[in-house]
Amino acid sequence: MSRVIHFEVPVDDPERAKKFYTDVFGWKISKMPGPMDYWLVTSGPDSQPGINGALTRRSALNPGTVNTIGVESLESAVEAVTKAGGKTLMDK
């Protein structure tokens, strides 16, 4: 079975979002080293159900939440999505 394995939430103000998600949900958020605006989110302990993710800076190319789904075969998954009426938005 395929599952959501990662999420990305685009934000306008990463420091404000970090404070919000930390205060409200207790998430641990840390900026990834390097030039990319990317903050890793640990949403809970690995021993509990759930997934971790990230905060990203909102942009025209990144306007909405992204959910990454783990599949055994990308080609098979794309074929199934297309067959069910979905569209490919970006090449792999």
N, C-alpha and C. Protein backbone atom coordinates (compact mmCIF):
# COMPACT_ATOMS: atom_id res chain seq x y z
N MET A 1 0.85 -1.18 0.00
CA MET A 1 0.00 0.00 0.00
C MET A 1 0.89 1.24 0.00
N SER A 2 0.55 2.22 -0.81
CA SER A 2 1.30 3.48 -0.88
C SER A 2 0.83 4.42 0.22
N ARG A 3 1.79 5.11 0.84
CA ARG A 3 1.47 6.01 1.96
C ARG A 3 2.11 7.37 1.76
N VAL A 4 1.51 8.38 2.34
CA VAL A 4 2.16 9.69 2.41
C VAL A 4 3.35 9.52 3.34
N ILE A 5 4.54 9.92 2.86
CA ILE A 5 5.76 9.73 3.65
C ILE A 5 6.45 11.04 4.00
N HIS A 6 6.00 12.16 3.43
CA HIS A 6 6.63 13.45 3.69
C HIS A 6 5.65 14.55 3.27
N PHE A 7 5.70 15.68 3.95
CA PHE A 7 4.87 16.82 3.55
C PHE A 7 5.73 18.07 3.50
N GLU A 8 5.31 19.05 2.71
CA GLU A 8 5.95 20.35 2.67
C GLU A 8 4.85 21.42 2.71
N VAL A 9 4.99 22.35 3.64
CA VAL A 9 4.03 23.43 3.80
C VAL A 9 4.70 24.73 3.38
N PRO A 10 4.21 25.38 2.31
CA PRO A 10 4.79 26.66 1.92
C PRO A 10 4.32 27.77 2.87
N VAL A 11 5.26 28.63 3.25
CA VAL A 11 4.94 29.71 4.19
C VAL A 11 5.54 31.02 3.68
N ASP A 12 4.94 32.13 4.08
CA ASP A 12 5.45 33.45 3.70
C ASP A 12 6.56 33.91 4.63
N ASP A 13 6.44 33.59 5.90
CA ASP A 13 7.41 34.03 6.91
C ASP A 13 7.84 32.80 7.72
N PRO A 14 8.95 32.17 7.36
CA PRO A 14 9.36 30.93 8.01
C PRO A 14 9.54 31.04 9.53
N GLU A 15 10.07 32.14 10.01
CA GLU A 15 10.27 32.28 11.46
C GLU A 15 8.93 32.36 12.19
N ARG A 16 7.97 33.09 11.61
CA ARG A 16 6.62 33.16 12.20
C ARG A 16 5.96 31.79 12.18
N ALA A 17 6.08 31.07 11.04
CA ALA A 17 5.50 29.73 10.92
C ALA A 17 6.15 28.77 11.91
N LYS A 18 7.46 28.86 12.04
CA LYS A 18 8.18 28.00 12.99
C LYS A 18 7.63 28.20 14.40
N LYS A 19 7.48 29.45 14.80
CA LYS A 19 6.94 29.73 16.14
C LYS A 19 5.52 29.19 16.28
N PHE A 20 4.68 29.42 15.26
CA PHE A 20 3.30 28.95 15.30
C PHE A 20 3.24 27.43 15.48
N TYR A 21 3.88 26.67 14.61
CA TYR A 21 3.80 25.21 14.65
C TYR A 21 4.46 24.63 15.90
N THR A 22 5.50 25.30 16.38
CA THR A 22 6.15 24.86 17.62
C THR A 22 5.23 25.10 18.81
N ASP A 23 4.65 26.31 18.88
CA ASP A 23 3.78 26.66 20.00
C ASP A 23 2.50 25.83 20.00
N VAL A 24 1.88 25.63 18.84
CA VAL A 24 0.58 24.97 18.76
C VAL A 24 0.70 23.45 18.82
N PHE A 25 1.64 22.87 18.06
CA PHE A 25 1.72 21.42 17.93
C PHE A 25 2.95 20.79 18.58
N GLY A 26 3.89 21.62 19.04
CA GLY A 26 5.09 21.08 19.65
C GLY A 26 6.09 20.51 18.65
N TRP A 27 5.96 20.89 17.36
CA TRP A 27 6.89 20.39 16.35
C TRP A 27 8.28 20.95 16.60
N LYS A 28 9.29 20.17 16.25
CA LYS A 28 10.67 20.63 16.28
C LYS A 28 11.04 21.00 14.85
N ILE A 29 11.49 22.24 14.66
CA ILE A 29 11.77 22.75 13.31
C ILE A 29 13.16 23.34 13.29
N SER A 30 13.95 22.93 12.29
CA SER A 30 15.31 23.46 12.17
C SER A 30 15.64 23.72 10.71
N LYS A 31 16.34 24.84 10.48
CA LYS A 31 16.72 25.20 9.11
C LYS A 31 17.78 24.23 8.61
N MET A 32 17.58 23.75 7.40
CA MET A 32 18.54 22.86 6.78
C MET A 32 19.77 23.69 6.39
N PRO A 33 20.97 23.17 6.63
CA PRO A 33 22.17 23.93 6.26
C PRO A 33 22.22 24.18 4.76
N GLY A 34 22.83 25.29 4.38
CA GLY A 34 23.00 25.60 2.97
C GLY A 34 22.15 26.77 2.53
N PRO A 35 22.21 27.10 1.26
CA PRO A 35 21.55 28.31 0.74
C PRO A 35 20.05 28.17 0.52
N MET A 36 19.53 26.95 0.52
CA MET A 36 18.11 26.74 0.24
C MET A 36 17.25 27.09 1.46
N ASP A 37 16.13 27.79 1.23
CA ASP A 37 15.18 28.11 2.31
C ASP A 37 14.32 26.87 2.57
N TYR A 38 14.77 26.03 3.49
CA TYR A 38 14.11 24.75 3.76
C TYR A 38 14.28 24.43 5.23
N TRP A 39 13.17 24.24 5.95
CA TRP A 39 13.20 23.96 7.38
C TRP A 39 12.63 22.58 7.62
N LEU A 40 13.41 21.69 8.19
CA LEU A 40 12.96 20.33 8.46
C LEU A 40 12.04 20.31 9.67
N VAL A 41 10.96 19.55 9.57
CA VAL A 41 9.96 19.45 10.63
C VAL A 41 9.95 18.03 11.18
N THR A 42 10.13 17.91 12.48
CA THR A 42 9.91 16.65 13.17
C THR A 42 8.59 16.81 13.92
N SER A 43 7.56 16.10 13.46
CA SER A 43 6.22 16.30 14.01
C SER A 43 5.92 15.41 15.21
N GLY A 44 6.84 14.51 15.55
CA GLY A 44 6.66 13.65 16.71
C GLY A 44 7.73 12.58 16.72
N PRO A 45 7.73 11.77 17.77
CA PRO A 45 8.74 10.72 17.87
C PRO A 45 8.51 9.61 16.85
N ASP A 46 9.61 9.00 16.41
CA ASP A 46 9.52 7.91 15.42
C ASP A 46 8.73 6.72 15.94
N SER A 47 8.59 6.59 17.25
CA SER A 47 7.87 5.47 17.82
C SER A 47 6.35 5.62 17.73
N GLN A 48 5.87 6.80 17.32
CA GLN A 48 4.44 7.05 17.18
C GLN A 48 4.07 7.14 15.70
N PRO A 49 2.81 6.82 15.35
CA PRO A 49 2.38 6.95 13.95
C PRO A 49 2.47 8.40 13.50
N GLY A 50 2.77 8.61 12.24
CA GLY A 50 2.83 9.95 11.68
C GLY A 50 4.02 10.11 10.76
N ILE A 51 4.12 11.27 10.16
CA ILE A 51 5.22 11.56 9.23
C ILE A 51 5.85 12.88 9.59
N ASN A 52 7.06 13.09 9.12
CA ASN A 52 7.75 14.36 9.27
C ASN A 52 7.71 15.09 7.95
N GLY A 53 8.13 16.33 7.94
CA GLY A 53 8.07 17.10 6.71
C GLY A 53 8.99 18.29 6.73
N ALA A 54 8.50 19.38 6.15
CA ALA A 54 9.31 20.58 6.02
C ALA A 54 8.43 21.81 5.81
N LEU A 55 9.02 22.97 6.09
CA LEU A 55 8.46 24.25 5.72
C LEU A 55 9.30 24.77 4.57
N THR A 56 8.67 25.34 3.55
CA THR A 56 9.37 25.94 2.43
C THR A 56 8.86 27.35 2.24
N ARG A 57 9.65 28.17 1.59
CA ARG A 57 9.19 29.54 1.32
C ARG A 57 8.19 29.49 0.16
N ARG A 58 7.01 30.10 0.37
CA ARG A 58 5.97 30.13 -0.66
C ARG A 58 6.47 30.95 -1.85
N SER A 59 6.15 30.47 -3.06
CA SER A 59 6.52 31.19 -4.28
C SER A 59 5.49 30.84 -5.36
N ALA A 60 5.63 31.47 -6.51
CA ALA A 60 4.73 31.16 -7.63
C ALA A 60 4.88 29.72 -8.06
N LEU A 61 6.09 29.17 -7.93
CA LEU A 61 6.33 27.77 -8.30
C LEU A 61 5.95 26.81 -7.18
N ASN A 62 5.75 27.34 -5.98
CA ASN A 62 5.48 26.51 -4.82
C ASN A 62 4.33 27.12 -4.01
N PRO A 63 3.11 27.16 -4.59
CA PRO A 63 2.02 27.86 -3.93
C PRO A 63 1.25 27.05 -2.90
N GLY A 64 1.32 25.71 -2.95
CA GLY A 64 0.48 24.90 -2.07
C GLY A 64 1.22 23.77 -1.40
N THR A 65 0.55 23.13 -0.47
CA THR A 65 1.12 22.02 0.28
C THR A 65 1.46 20.87 -0.65
N VAL A 66 2.59 20.23 -0.41
CA VAL A 66 3.04 19.08 -1.18
C VAL A 66 3.03 17.86 -0.27
N ASN A 67 2.43 16.78 -0.74
CA ASN A 67 2.50 15.50 -0.02
C ASN A 67 3.26 14.53 -0.91
N THR A 68 4.30 13.90 -0.36
CA THR A 68 5.08 12.91 -1.09
C THR A 68 4.57 11.54 -0.71
N ILE A 69 4.27 10.72 -1.71
CA ILE A 69 3.72 9.39 -1.48
C ILE A 69 4.75 8.36 -1.93
N GLY A 70 5.07 7.43 -1.05
CA GLY A 70 6.01 6.36 -1.39
C GLY A 70 5.32 5.28 -2.22
N VAL A 71 5.91 4.93 -3.36
CA VAL A 71 5.36 3.89 -4.23
C VAL A 71 6.48 2.93 -4.61
N GLU A 72 6.11 1.70 -4.99
CA GLU A 72 7.12 0.73 -5.40
C GLU A 72 7.71 1.07 -6.75
N SER A 73 6.91 1.60 -7.66
CA SER A 73 7.36 1.92 -9.01
C SER A 73 6.76 3.25 -9.44
N LEU A 74 7.60 4.24 -9.71
CA LEU A 74 7.10 5.53 -10.14
C LEU A 74 6.37 5.41 -11.47
N GLU A 75 6.94 4.65 -12.40
CA GLU A 75 6.32 4.49 -13.71
C GLU A 75 4.92 3.87 -13.58
N SER A 76 4.79 2.85 -12.75
CA SER A 76 3.47 2.21 -12.56
C SER A 76 2.49 3.18 -11.91
N ALA A 77 2.97 3.96 -10.95
CA ALA A 77 2.10 4.91 -10.26
C ALA A 77 1.63 6.00 -11.23
N VAL A 78 2.54 6.52 -12.05
CA VAL A 78 2.16 7.55 -13.02
C VAL A 78 1.15 6.97 -14.01
N GLU A 79 1.36 5.75 -14.44
CA GLU A 79 0.41 5.10 -15.37
C GLU A 79 -0.97 4.97 -14.72
N ALA A 80 -1.01 4.57 -13.45
CA ALA A 80 -2.28 4.41 -12.75
C ALA A 80 -2.98 5.75 -12.58
N VAL A 81 -2.21 6.79 -12.24
CA VAL A 81 -2.80 8.13 -12.08
C VAL A 81 -3.38 8.62 -13.40
N THR A 82 -2.62 8.47 -14.48
CA THR A 82 -3.08 8.90 -15.80
C THR A 82 -4.33 8.13 -16.22
N LYS A 83 -4.32 6.82 -16.00
CA LYS A 83 -5.46 5.98 -16.35
C LYS A 83 -6.72 6.39 -15.58
N ALA A 84 -6.53 6.87 -14.35
CA ALA A 84 -7.67 7.28 -13.52
C ALA A 84 -8.09 8.72 -13.79
N GLY A 85 -7.44 9.39 -14.78
CA GLY A 85 -7.85 10.75 -15.14
C GLY A 85 -6.95 11.83 -14.61
N GLY A 86 -5.89 11.46 -13.88
CA GLY A 86 -4.96 12.46 -13.36
C GLY A 86 -4.01 12.96 -14.43
N LYS A 87 -3.25 14.00 -14.10
CA LYS A 87 -2.32 14.61 -15.05
C LYS A 87 -0.91 14.62 -14.46
N THR A 88 0.07 14.52 -15.33
CA THR A 88 1.46 14.70 -14.93
C THR A 88 1.76 16.19 -14.98
N LEU A 89 2.16 16.77 -13.85
CA LEU A 89 2.42 18.20 -13.79
C LEU A 89 3.89 18.54 -14.01
N MET A 90 4.77 17.52 -13.79
CA MET A 90 6.19 17.77 -13.88
C MET A 90 6.88 16.44 -14.19
N ASP A 91 7.89 16.47 -15.04
CA ASP A 91 8.65 15.25 -15.33
C ASP A 91 9.42 14.81 -14.10
N LYS A 92 9.73 13.51 -14.05
CA LYS A 92 10.48 13.01 -12.88
C LYS A 92 11.90 13.50 -12.89
